[in-house]
Amino acid sequence: MMMKLHSLNKYVLKSSRSLRLAFMMAMVLWSVSGFATHIVGGDLTYRCLGNDKYEITLMFYRDCLGGNPEADFDDPASIAIYDSKNNLQVQLAQLGQILIKFNAD
């Protein structure tokens, strides 16, 4: 009885590995690459002005050589603060977000 149980465990383990390998191979073969070429990075900084007021600066870096020149930035950009469960943490301005207008400088 113990020998049959041991053989069954080996079979389940082997079939589990085979199934996992087949799933990973399918994901690799069927994956689709995204080609987002317009935004390559950015910075979000803030500066305390005193009296609970802050200056927030959002900088985006665009790929001007290989990027799509027709790709637009969000205008205005929306900034909000959330926790890991997607709950709004800080009530900022209206509707819990700050809207930053686009400036092409």
PDB file of N, CA and C in Angstrom:
ATOM      1  N   MET A   1       0.835  -1.187   0.000  1.00  0.00           N
ATOM      2  CA  MET A   1       0.000   0.000   0.000  1.00  0.00           C
ATOM      3  C   MET A   1       0.878   1.248   0.000  1.00  0.00           C
ATOM      4  N   MET A   2       1.917   1.263   0.827  1.00  0.00           N
ATOM      5  CA  MET A   2       2.792   2.412   0.915  1.00  0.00           C
ATOM      6  C   MET A   2       3.530   2.631  -0.397  1.00  0.00           C
ATOM      7  N   MET A   3       3.897   1.550  -1.084  1.00  0.00           N
ATOM      8  CA  MET A   3       4.602   1.654  -2.352  1.00  0.00           C
ATOM      9  C   MET A   3       3.698   2.267  -3.411  1.00  0.00           C
ATOM     10  N   LYS A   4       2.420   1.890  -3.467  1.00  0.00           N
ATOM     11  CA  LYS A   4       1.489   2.439  -4.450  1.00  0.00           C
ATOM     12  C   LYS A   4       1.256   3.929  -4.195  1.00  0.00           C
ATOM     13  N   LEU A   5       1.156   4.316  -2.952  1.00  0.00           N
ATOM     14  CA  LEU A   5       0.947   5.714  -2.608  1.00  0.00           C
ATOM     15  C   LEU A   5       2.155   6.546  -3.027  1.00  0.00           C
ATOM     16  N   HIS A   6       3.338   6.021  -2.823  1.00  0.00           N
ATOM     17  CA  HIS A   6       4.557   6.713  -3.218  1.00  0.00           C
ATOM     18  C   HIS A   6       4.602   6.880  -4.739  1.00  0.00           C
ATOM     19  N   SER A   7       4.226   5.853  -5.483  1.00  0.00           N
ATOM     20  CA  SER A   7       4.191   5.924  -6.945  1.00  0.00           C
ATOM     21  C   SER A   7       3.169   6.948  -7.412  1.00  0.00           C
ATOM     22  N   LEU A   8       2.024   7.005  -6.752  1.00  0.00           N
ATOM     23  CA  LEU A   8       0.985   7.962  -7.109  1.00  0.00           C
ATOM     24  C   LEU A   8       1.477   9.390  -6.879  1.00  0.00           C
ATOM     25  N   ASN A   9       2.176   9.630  -5.777  1.00  0.00           N
ATOM     26  CA  ASN A   9       2.728  10.957  -5.508  1.00  0.00           C
ATOM     27  C   ASN A   9       3.732  11.371  -6.575  1.00  0.00           C
ATOM     28  N   LYS A  10       4.580  10.434  -7.030  1.00  0.00           N
ATOM     29  CA  LYS A  10       5.537  10.732  -8.094  1.00  0.00           C
ATOM     30  C   LYS A  10       4.808  11.103  -9.377  1.00  0.00           C
ATOM     31  N   TYR A  11       3.735  10.370  -9.706  1.00  0.00           N
ATOM     32  CA  TYR A  11       2.970  10.637 -10.921  1.00  0.00           C
ATOM     33  C   TYR A  11       2.329  12.022 -10.859  1.00  0.00           C
ATOM     34  N   VAL A  12       1.730  12.362  -9.723  1.00  0.00           N
ATOM     35  CA  VAL A  12       1.089  13.674  -9.566  1.00  0.00           C
ATOM     36  C   VAL A  12       2.131  14.774  -9.684  1.00  0.00           C
ATOM     37  N   LEU A  13       3.300  14.573  -9.077  1.00  0.00           N
ATOM     38  CA  LEU A  13       4.363  15.560  -9.138  1.00  0.00           C
ATOM     39  C   LEU A  13       4.850  15.746 -10.572  1.00  0.00           C
ATOM     40  N   LYS A  14       5.048  14.647 -11.307  1.00  0.00           N
ATOM     41  CA  LYS A  14       5.497  14.734 -12.695  1.00  0.00           C
ATOM     42  C   LYS A  14       4.453  15.414 -13.569  1.00  0.00           C
ATOM     43  N   SER A  15       3.180  15.071 -13.408  1.00  0.00           N
ATOM     44  CA  SER A  15       2.147  15.676 -14.242  1.00  0.00           C
ATOM     45  C   SER A  15       1.988  17.159 -13.906  1.00  0.00           C
ATOM     46  N   SER A  16       2.189  17.523 -12.648  1.00  0.00           N
ATOM     47  CA  SER A  16       2.118  18.929 -12.247  1.00  0.00           C
ATOM     48  C   SER A  16       3.244  19.724 -12.900  1.00  0.00           C
ATOM     49  N   ARG A  17       4.443  19.163 -12.913  1.00  0.00           N
ATOM     50  CA  ARG A  17       5.579  19.829 -13.562  1.00  0.00           C
ATOM     51  C   ARG A  17       5.343  19.953 -15.060  1.00  0.00           C
ATOM     52  N   SER A  18       4.824  18.904 -15.674  1.00  0.00           N
ATOM     53  CA  SER A  18       4.562  18.934 -17.114  1.00  0.00           C
ATOM     54  C   SER A  18       3.515  19.985 -17.457  1.00  0.00           C
ATOM     55  N   LEU A  19       2.481  20.062 -16.651  1.00  0.00           N
ATOM     56  CA  LEU A  19       1.427  21.046 -16.882  1.00  0.00           C
ATOM     57  C   LEU A  19       1.969  22.463 -16.717  1.00  0.00           C
ATOM     58  N   ARG A  20       2.773  22.670 -15.703  1.00  0.00           N
ATOM     59  CA  ARG A  20       3.370  23.986 -15.471  1.00  0.00           C
ATOM     60  C   ARG A  20       4.298  24.367 -16.632  1.00  0.00           C
ATOM     61  N   LEU A  21       5.101  23.426 -17.112  1.00  0.00           N
ATOM     62  CA  LEU A  21       5.999  23.681 -18.233  1.00  0.00           C
ATOM     63  C   LEU A  21       5.208  24.001 -19.498  1.00  0.00           C
ATOM     64  N   ALA A  22       4.145  23.249 -19.755  1.00  0.00           N
ATOM     65  CA  ALA A  22       3.314  23.500 -20.934  1.00  0.00           C
ATOM     66  C   ALA A  22       2.665  24.879 -20.858  1.00  0.00           C
ATOM     67  N   PHE A  23       2.206  25.265 -19.683  1.00  0.00           N
ATOM     68  CA  PHE A  23       1.590  26.578 -19.513  1.00  0.00           C
ATOM     69  C   PHE A  23       2.610  27.689 -19.761  1.00  0.00           C
ATOM     70  N   MET A  24       3.818  27.539 -19.207  1.00  0.00           N
ATOM     71  CA  MET A  24       4.845  28.569 -19.402  1.00  0.00           C
ATOM     72  C   MET A  24       5.254  28.668 -20.865  1.00  0.00           C
ATOM     73  N   MET A  25       5.361  27.546 -21.557  1.00  0.00           N
ATOM     74  CA  MET A  25       5.704  27.559 -22.984  1.00  0.00           C
ATOM     75  C   MET A  25       4.612  28.252 -23.791  1.00  0.00           C
ATOM     76  N   ALA A  26       3.355  27.979 -23.455  1.00  0.00           N
ATOM     77  CA  ALA A  26       2.242  28.625 -24.158  1.00  0.00           C
ATOM     78  C   ALA A  26       2.278  30.134 -23.946  1.00  0.00           C
ATOM     79  N   MET A  27       2.586  30.571 -22.736  1.00  0.00           N
ATOM     80  CA  MET A  27       2.655  32.010 -22.458  1.00  0.00           C
ATOM     81  C   MET A  27       3.775  32.671 -23.255  1.00  0.00           C
ATOM     82  N   VAL A  28       4.904  31.997 -23.376  1.00  0.00           N
ATOM     83  CA  VAL A  28       6.025  32.552 -24.135  1.00  0.00           C
ATOM     84  C   VAL A  28       5.680  32.625 -25.618  1.00  0.00           C
ATOM     85  N   LEU A  29       5.068  31.581 -26.151  1.00  0.00           N
ATOM     86  CA  LEU A  29       4.757  31.542 -27.578  1.00  0.00           C
ATOM     87  C   LEU A  29       3.624  32.481 -27.959  1.00  0.00           C
ATOM     88  N   TRP A  30       2.678  32.698 -27.074  1.00  0.00           N
ATOM     89  CA  TRP A  30       1.507  33.516 -27.403  1.00  0.00           C
ATOM     90  C   TRP A  30       1.600  34.937 -26.869  1.00  0.00           C
ATOM     91  N   SER A  31       2.720  35.311 -26.311  1.00  0.00           N
ATOM     92  CA  SER A  31       2.819  36.661 -25.748  1.00  0.00           C
ATOM     93  C   SER A  31       2.868  37.694 -26.864  1.00  0.00           C
ATOM     94  N   VAL A  32       2.324  38.858 -26.557  1.00  0.00           N
ATOM     95  CA  VAL A  32       2.312  39.964 -27.505  1.00  0.00           C
ATOM     96  C   VAL A  32       3.089  41.113 -26.869  1.00  0.00           C
ATOM     97  N   SER A  33       4.010  41.649 -27.610  1.00  0.00           N
ATOM     98  CA  SER A  33       4.807  42.756 -27.087  1.00  0.00           C
ATOM     99  C   SER A  33       4.081  44.074 -27.276  1.00  0.00           C
ATOM    100  N   GLY A  34       4.250  44.962 -26.312  1.00  0.00           N
ATOM    101  CA  GLY A  34       3.718  46.317 -26.438  1.00  0.00           C
ATOM    102  C   GLY A  34       4.819  47.231 -26.941  1.00  0.00           C
ATOM    103  N   PHE A  35       4.468  48.160 -27.767  1.00  0.00           N
ATOM    104  CA  PHE A  35       5.451  49.073 -28.327  1.00  0.00           C
ATOM    105  C   PHE A  35       5.079  50.514 -28.002  1.00  0.00           C
ATOM    106  N   ALA A  36       5.122  50.864 -26.731  1.00  0.00           N
ATOM    107  CA  ALA A  36       4.859  52.233 -26.315  1.00  0.00           C
ATOM    108  C   ALA A  36       6.162  53.007 -26.472  1.00  0.00           C
ATOM    109  N   THR A  37       6.180  53.933 -27.411  1.00  0.00           N
ATOM    110  CA  THR A  37       7.441  54.592 -27.746  1.00  0.00           C
ATOM    111  C   THR A  37       7.484  56.061 -27.394  1.00  0.00           C
ATOM    112  N   HIS A  38       6.429  56.607 -26.832  1.00  0.00           N
ATOM    113  CA  HIS A  38       6.430  58.055 -26.668  1.00  0.00           C
ATOM    114  C   HIS A  38       6.918  58.532 -25.304  1.00  0.00           C
ATOM    115  N   ILE A  39       6.646  57.840 -24.222  1.00  0.00           N
ATOM    116  CA  ILE A  39       7.115  58.273 -22.902  1.00  0.00           C
ATOM    117  C   ILE A  39       8.172  57.289 -22.410  1.00  0.00           C
ATOM    118  N   VAL A  40       9.357  57.799 -22.075  1.00  0.00           N
ATOM    119  CA  VAL A  40      10.441  56.922 -21.638  1.00  0.00           C
ATOM    120  C   VAL A  40      10.773  57.084 -20.163  1.00  0.00           C
ATOM    121  N   GLY A  41      10.178  58.050 -19.497  1.00  0.00           N
ATOM    122  CA  GLY A  41      10.446  58.226 -18.073  1.00  0.00           C
ATOM    123  C   GLY A  41       9.815  59.492 -17.546  1.00  0.00           C
ATOM    124  N   GLY A  42      10.049  59.753 -16.281  1.00  0.00           N
ATOM    125  CA  GLY A  42       9.494  60.960 -15.695  1.00  0.00           C
ATOM    126  C   GLY A  42       9.937  61.151 -14.259  1.00  0.00           C
ATOM    127  N   ASP A  43       9.658  62.331 -13.737  1.00  0.00           N
ATOM    128  CA  ASP A  43       9.963  62.684 -12.352  1.00  0.00           C
ATOM    129  C   ASP A  43       8.747  63.348 -11.732  1.00  0.00           C
ATOM    130  N   LEU A  44       8.487  63.015 -10.487  1.00  0.00           N
ATOM    131  CA  LEU A  44       7.445  63.678  -9.710  1.00  0.00           C
ATOM    132  C   LEU A  44       8.124  64.214  -8.457  1.00  0.00           C
ATOM    133  N   THR A  45       8.136  65.532  -8.297  1.00  0.00           N
ATOM    134  CA  THR A  45       8.773  66.144  -7.138  1.00  0.00           C
ATOM    135  C   THR A  45       7.793  67.090  -6.460  1.00  0.00           C
ATOM    136  N   TYR A  46       8.060  67.354  -5.186  1.00  0.00           N
ATOM    137  CA  TYR A  46       7.236  68.332  -4.480  1.00  0.00           C
ATOM    138  C   TYR A  46       8.127  69.176  -3.581  1.00  0.00           C
ATOM    139  N   ARG A  47       7.633  70.371  -3.253  1.00  0.00           N
ATOM    140  CA  ARG A  47       8.360  71.291  -2.385  1.00  0.00           C
ATOM    141  C   ARG A  47       7.361  71.901  -1.419  1.00  0.00           C
ATOM    142  N   CYS A  48       7.683  71.860  -0.137  1.00  0.00           N
ATOM    143  CA  CYS A  48       6.812  72.432   0.889  1.00  0.00           C
ATOM    144  C   CYS A  48       6.947  73.949   0.871  1.00  0.00           C
ATOM    145  N   LEU A  49       5.818  74.640   0.716  1.00  0.00           N
ATOM    146  CA  LEU A  49       5.799  76.100   0.704  1.00  0.00           C
ATOM    147  C   LEU A  49       5.426  76.674   2.065  1.00  0.00           C
ATOM    148  N   GLY A  50       5.070  75.809   3.021  1.00  0.00           N
ATOM    149  CA  GLY A  50       4.639  76.242   4.348  1.00  0.00           C
ATOM    150  C   GLY A  50       3.128  76.323   4.422  1.00  0.00           C
ATOM    151  N   ASN A  51       2.598  76.332   5.643  1.00  0.00           N
ATOM    152  CA  ASN A  51       1.146  76.416   5.868  1.00  0.00           C
ATOM    153  C   ASN A  51       0.361  75.340   5.115  1.00  0.00           C
ATOM    154  N   ASP A  52       0.864  74.108   5.122  1.00  0.00           N
ATOM    155  CA  ASP A  52       0.212  72.972   4.440  1.00  0.00           C
ATOM    156  C   ASP A  52       0.013  73.196   2.945  1.00  0.00           C
ATOM    157  N   LYS A  53       0.902  73.933   2.308  1.00  0.00           N
ATOM    158  CA  LYS A  53       0.847  74.136   0.858  1.00  0.00           C
ATOM    159  C   LYS A  53       2.104  73.548   0.239  1.00  0.00           C
ATOM    160  N   TYR A  54       1.923  72.903  -0.917  1.00  0.00           N
ATOM    161  CA  TYR A  54       3.024  72.252  -1.605  1.00  0.00           C
ATOM    162  C   TYR A  54       3.008  72.626  -3.078  1.00  0.00           C
ATOM    163  N   GLU A  55       4.190  72.678  -3.657  1.00  0.00           N
ATOM    164  CA  GLU A  55       4.328  72.844  -5.098  1.00  0.00           C
ATOM    165  C   GLU A  55       4.686  71.471  -5.661  1.00  0.00           C
ATOM    166  N   ILE A  56       3.888  70.967  -6.595  1.00  0.00           N
ATOM    167  CA  ILE A  56       4.114  69.649  -7.194  1.00  0.00           C
ATOM    168  C   ILE A  56       4.523  69.847  -8.643  1.00  0.00           C
ATOM    169  N   THR A  57       5.623  69.200  -9.034  1.00  0.00           N
ATOM    170  CA  THR A  57       6.112  69.280 -10.407  1.00  0.00           C
ATOM    171  C   THR A  57       6.142  67.874 -10.992  1.00  0.00           C
ATOM    172  N   LEU A  58       5.556  67.712 -12.159  1.00  0.00           N
ATOM    173  CA  LEU A  58       5.536  66.434 -12.869  1.00  0.00           C
ATOM    174  C   LEU A  58       6.249  66.633 -14.198  1.00  0.00           C
ATOM    175  N   MET A  59       7.368  65.920 -14.399  1.00  0.00           N
ATOM    176  CA  MET A  59       8.149  66.026 -15.635  1.00  0.00           C
ATOM    177  C   MET A  59       8.089  64.690 -16.371  1.00  0.00           C
ATOM    178  N   PHE A  60       7.776  64.736 -17.655  1.00  0.00           N
ATOM    179  CA  PHE A  60       7.811  63.555 -18.511  1.00  0.00           C
ATOM    180  C   PHE A  60       8.947  63.700 -19.503  1.00  0.00           C
ATOM    181  N   TYR A  61       9.561  62.574 -19.849  1.00  0.00           N
ATOM    182  CA  TYR A  61      10.615  62.561 -20.857  1.00  0.00           C
ATOM    183  C   TYR A  61      10.114  61.750 -22.039  1.00  0.00           C
ATOM    184  N   ARG A  62      10.146  62.346 -23.195  1.00  0.00           N
ATOM    185  CA  ARG A  62       9.585  61.762 -24.406  1.00  0.00           C
ATOM    186  C   ARG A  62      10.703  61.294 -25.323  1.00  0.00           C
ATOM    187  N   ASP A  63      10.450  60.236 -26.069  1.00  0.00           N
ATOM    188  CA  ASP A  63      11.366  59.735 -27.088  1.00  0.00           C
ATOM    189  C   ASP A  63      11.081  60.499 -28.379  1.00  0.00           C
ATOM    190  N   CYS A  64      11.842  61.551 -28.625  1.00  0.00           N
ATOM    191  CA  CYS A  64      11.599  62.393 -29.807  1.00  0.00           C
ATOM    192  C   CYS A  64      12.129  61.757 -31.084  1.00  0.00           C
ATOM    193  N   LEU A  65      13.112  60.883 -30.987  1.00  0.00           N
ATOM    194  CA  LEU A  65      13.701  60.276 -32.168  1.00  0.00           C
ATOM    195  C   LEU A  65      12.862  59.108 -32.679  1.00  0.00           C
ATOM    196  N   GLY A  66      12.547  58.149 -31.808  1.00  0.00           N
ATOM    197  CA  GLY A  66      11.834  56.957 -32.247  1.00  0.00           C
ATOM    198  C   GLY A  66      10.375  56.917 -31.846  1.00  0.00           C
ATOM    199  N   GLY A  67       9.923  57.905 -31.093  1.00  0.00           N
ATOM    200  CA  GLY A  67       8.547  57.903 -30.602  1.00  0.00           C
ATOM    201  C   GLY A  67       7.555  58.404 -31.633  1.00  0.00           C
ATOM    202  N   ASN A  68       6.307  58.172 -31.352  1.00  0.00           N
ATOM    203  CA  ASN A  68       5.234  58.633 -32.226  1.00  0.00           C
ATOM    204  C   ASN A  68       4.994  60.120 -31.971  1.00  0.00           C
ATOM    205  N   PRO A  69       5.248  60.988 -32.949  1.00  0.00           N
ATOM    206  CA  PRO A  69       5.072  62.428 -32.722  1.00  0.00           C
ATOM    207  C   PRO A  69       3.619  62.829 -32.527  1.00  0.00           C
ATOM    208  N   GLU A  70       2.684  61.974 -32.897  1.00  0.00           N
ATOM    209  CA  GLU A  70       1.258  62.264 -32.743  1.00  0.00           C
ATOM    210  C   GLU A  70       0.726  61.864 -31.365  1.00  0.00           C
ATOM    211  N   ALA A  71       1.542  61.182 -30.563  1.00  0.00           N
ATOM    212  CA  ALA A  71       1.093  60.741 -29.236  1.00  0.00           C
ATOM    213  C   ALA A  71       0.969  61.949 -28.317  1.00  0.00           C
ATOM    214  N   ASP A  72      -0.195  62.103 -27.719  1.00  0.00           N
ATOM    215  CA  ASP A  72      -0.455  63.244 -26.843  1.00  0.00           C
ATOM    216  C   ASP A  72      -0.212  62.880 -25.387  1.00  0.00           C
ATOM    217  N   PHE A  73       0.092  63.894 -24.586  1.00  0.00           N
ATOM    218  CA  PHE A  73       0.153  63.746 -23.137  1.00  0.00           C
ATOM    219  C   PHE A  73      -1.245  63.951 -22.576  1.00  0.00           C
ATOM    220  N   ASP A  74      -1.515  63.375 -21.405  1.00  0.00           N
ATOM    221  CA  ASP A  74      -2.777  63.652 -20.723  1.00  0.00           C
ATOM    222  C   ASP A  74      -2.775  65.112 -20.291  1.00  0.00           C
ATOM    223  N   ASP A  75      -3.807  65.837 -20.640  1.00  0.00           N
ATOM    224  CA  ASP A  75      -3.907  67.243 -20.256  1.00  0.00           C
ATOM    225  C   ASP A  75      -5.299  67.511 -19.732  1.00  0.00           C
ATOM    226  N   PRO A  76      -5.476  67.611 -18.453  1.00  0.00           N
ATOM    227  CA  PRO A  76      -4.458  67.684 -17.402  1.00  0.00           C
ATOM    228  C   PRO A  76      -4.070  66.302 -16.893  1.00  0.00           C
ATOM    229  N   ALA A  77      -2.878  66.208 -16.291  1.00  0.00           N
ATOM    230  CA  ALA A  77      -2.441  64.977 -15.629  1.00  0.00           C
ATOM    231  C   ALA A  77      -3.112  64.910 -14.260  1.00  0.00           C
ATOM    232  N   SER A  78      -3.435  63.716 -13.811  1.00  0.00           N
ATOM    233  CA  SER A  78      -4.120  63.526 -12.535  1.00  0.00           C
ATOM    234  C   SER A  78      -3.171  62.870 -11.541  1.00  0.00           C
ATOM    235  N   ILE A  79      -3.082  63.425 -10.335  1.00  0.00           N
ATOM    236  CA  ILE A  79      -2.230  62.873  -9.281  1.00  0.00           C
ATOM    237  C   ILE A  79      -3.093  62.599  -8.057  1.00  0.00           C
ATOM    238  N   ALA A  80      -2.982  61.399  -7.490  1.00  0.00           N
ATOM    239  CA  ALA A  80      -3.708  61.027  -6.275  1.00  0.00           C
ATOM    240  C   ALA A  80      -2.827  60.069  -5.477  1.00  0.00           C
ATOM    241  N   ILE A  81      -3.134  59.868  -4.203  1.00  0.00           N
ATOM    242  CA  ILE A  81      -2.355  58.990  -3.329  1.00  0.00           C
ATOM    243  C   ILE A  81      -3.256  57.854  -2.860  1.00  0.00           C
ATOM    244  N   TYR A  82      -2.825  56.595  -3.138  1.00  0.00           N
ATOM    245  CA  TYR A  82      -3.594  55.396  -2.808  1.00  0.00           C
ATOM    246  C   TYR A  82      -2.761  54.457  -1.957  1.00  0.00           C
ATOM    247  N   ASP A  83      -3.433  53.546  -1.240  1.00  0.00           N
ATOM    248  CA  ASP A  83      -2.722  52.492  -0.526  1.00  0.00           C
ATOM    249  C   ASP A  83      -2.673  51.249  -1.416  1.00  0.00           C
ATOM    250  N   SER A  84      -2.126  50.150  -0.887  1.00  0.00           N
ATOM    251  CA  SER A  84      -1.957  48.929  -1.681  1.00  0.00           C
ATOM    252  C   SER A  84      -3.279  48.260  -2.049  1.00  0.00           C
ATOM    253  N   LYS A  85      -4.384  48.641  -1.399  1.00  0.00           N
ATOM    254  CA  LYS A  85      -5.696  48.064  -1.712  1.00  0.00           C
ATOM    255  C   LYS A  85      -6.519  48.992  -2.597  1.00  0.00           C
ATOM    256  N   ASN A  86      -5.855  49.990  -3.188  1.00  0.00           N
ATOM    257  CA  ASN A  86      -6.480  50.932  -4.110  1.00  0.00           C
ATOM    258  C   ASN A  86      -7.494  51.850  -3.431  1.00  0.00           C
ATOM    259  N   ASN A  87      -7.292  52.115  -2.142  1.00  0.00           N
ATOM    260  CA  ASN A  87      -8.144  53.052  -1.411  1.00  0.00           C
ATOM    261  C   ASN A  87      -7.483  54.421  -1.388  1.00  0.00           C
ATOM    262  N   LEU A  88      -8.252  55.453  -1.683  1.00  0.00           N
ATOM    263  CA  LEU A  88      -7.741  56.814  -1.652  1.00  0.00           C
ATOM    264  C   LEU A  88      -7.301  57.154  -0.234  1.00  0.00           C
ATOM    265  N   GLN A  89      -6.059  57.621  -0.073  1.00  0.00           N
ATOM    266  CA  GLN A  89      -5.505  57.869   1.256  1.00  0.00           C
ATOM    267  C   GLN A  89      -5.583  59.318   1.702  1.00  0.00           C
ATOM    268  N   VAL A  90      -5.426  60.237   0.800  1.00  0.00           N
ATOM    269  CA  VAL A  90      -5.385  61.653   1.151  1.00  0.00           C
ATOM    270  C   VAL A  90      -6.385  62.395   0.280  1.00  0.00           C
ATOM    271  N   GLN A  91      -7.193  63.217   0.890  1.00  0.00           N
ATOM    272  CA  GLN A  91      -8.159  64.006   0.132  1.00  0.00           C
ATOM    273  C   GLN A  91      -7.437  65.236  -0.417  1.00  0.00           C
ATOM    274  N   LEU A  92      -7.127  65.224  -1.696  1.00  0.00           N
ATOM    275  CA  LEU A  92      -6.427  66.322  -2.345  1.00  0.00           C
ATOM    276  C   LEU A  92      -7.402  67.122  -3.198  1.00  0.00           C
ATOM    277  N   ALA A  93      -7.501  68.380  -2.961  1.00  0.00           N
ATOM    278  CA  ALA A  93      -8.309  69.294  -3.785  1.00  0.00           C
ATOM    279  C   ALA A  93      -9.687  68.704  -4.059  1.00  0.00           C
ATOM    280  N   GLN A  94     -10.108  68.695  -5.319  1.00  0.00           N
ATOM    281  CA  GLN A  94     -11.435  68.198  -5.686  1.00  0.00           C
ATOM    282  C   GLN A  94     -11.360  66.727  -6.069  1.00  0.00           C
ATOM    283  N   LEU A  95     -12.308  65.957  -5.642  1.00  0.00           N
ATOM    284  CA  LEU A  95     -12.432  64.537  -5.989  1.00  0.00           C
ATOM    285  C   LEU A  95     -11.198  63.721  -5.620  1.00  0.00           C
ATOM    286  N   GLY A  96     -10.408  64.179  -4.645  1.00  0.00           N
ATOM    287  CA  GLY A  96      -9.263  63.405  -4.183  1.00  0.00           C
ATOM    288  C   GLY A  96      -8.087  63.395  -5.126  1.00  0.00           C
ATOM    289  N   GLN A  97      -8.039  64.311  -6.072  1.00  0.00           N
ATOM    290  CA  GLN A  97      -6.933  64.335  -7.013  1.00  0.00           C
ATOM    291  C   GLN A  97      -6.516  65.766  -7.304  1.00  0.00           C
ATOM    292  N   ILE A  98      -5.309  65.902  -7.819  1.00  0.00           N
ATOM    293  CA  ILE A  98      -4.811  67.192  -8.278  1.00  0.00           C
ATOM    294  C   ILE A  98      -4.676  67.095  -9.788  1.00  0.00           C
ATOM    295  N   LEU A  99      -5.178  68.065 -10.495  1.00  0.00           N
ATOM    296  CA  LEU A  99      -5.047  68.108 -11.944  1.00  0.00           C
ATOM    297  C   LEU A  99      -3.957  69.106 -12.300  1.00  0.00           C
ATOM    298  N   ILE A 100      -2.952  68.652 -13.047  1.00  0.00           N
ATOM    299  CA  ILE A 100      -1.832  69.499 -13.439  1.00  0.00           C
ATOM    300  C   ILE A 100      -1.928  69.754 -14.937  1.00  0.00           C
ATOM    301  N   LYS A 101      -1.998  71.016 -15.326  1.00  0.00           N
ATOM    302  CA  LYS A 101      -2.082  71.399 -16.736  1.00  0.00           C
ATOM    303  C   LYS A 101      -0.763  71.119 -17.446  1.00  0.00           C
ATOM    304  N   PHE A 102      -0.842  70.771 -18.723  1.00  0.00           N
ATOM    305  CA  PHE A 102       0.332  70.502 -19.547  1.00  0.00           C
ATOM    306  C   PHE A 102       1.005  71.811 -19.933  1.00  0.00           C
ATOM    307  N   ASN A 103       2.330  71.858 -19.799  1.00  0.00           N
ATOM    308  CA  ASN A 103       3.120  73.012 -20.191  1.00  0.00           C
ATOM    309  C   ASN A 103       4.222  72.508 -21.104  1.00  0.00           C
ATOM    310  N   ALA A 104       4.270  72.947 -22.340  1.00  0.00           N
ATOM    311  CA  ALA A 104       5.185  72.399 -23.344  1.00  0.00           C
ATOM    312  C   ALA A 104       6.600  72.955 -23.270  1.00  0.00           C
ATOM    313  N   ASP A 105       7.023  73.521 -22.149  1.00  0.00           N
ATOM    314  CA  ASP A 105       8.394  74.068 -22.044  1.00  0.00           C
ATOM    315  C   ASP A 105       9.424  72.985 -22.097  1.00  0.00           C
TER     316      ASP A 105
END
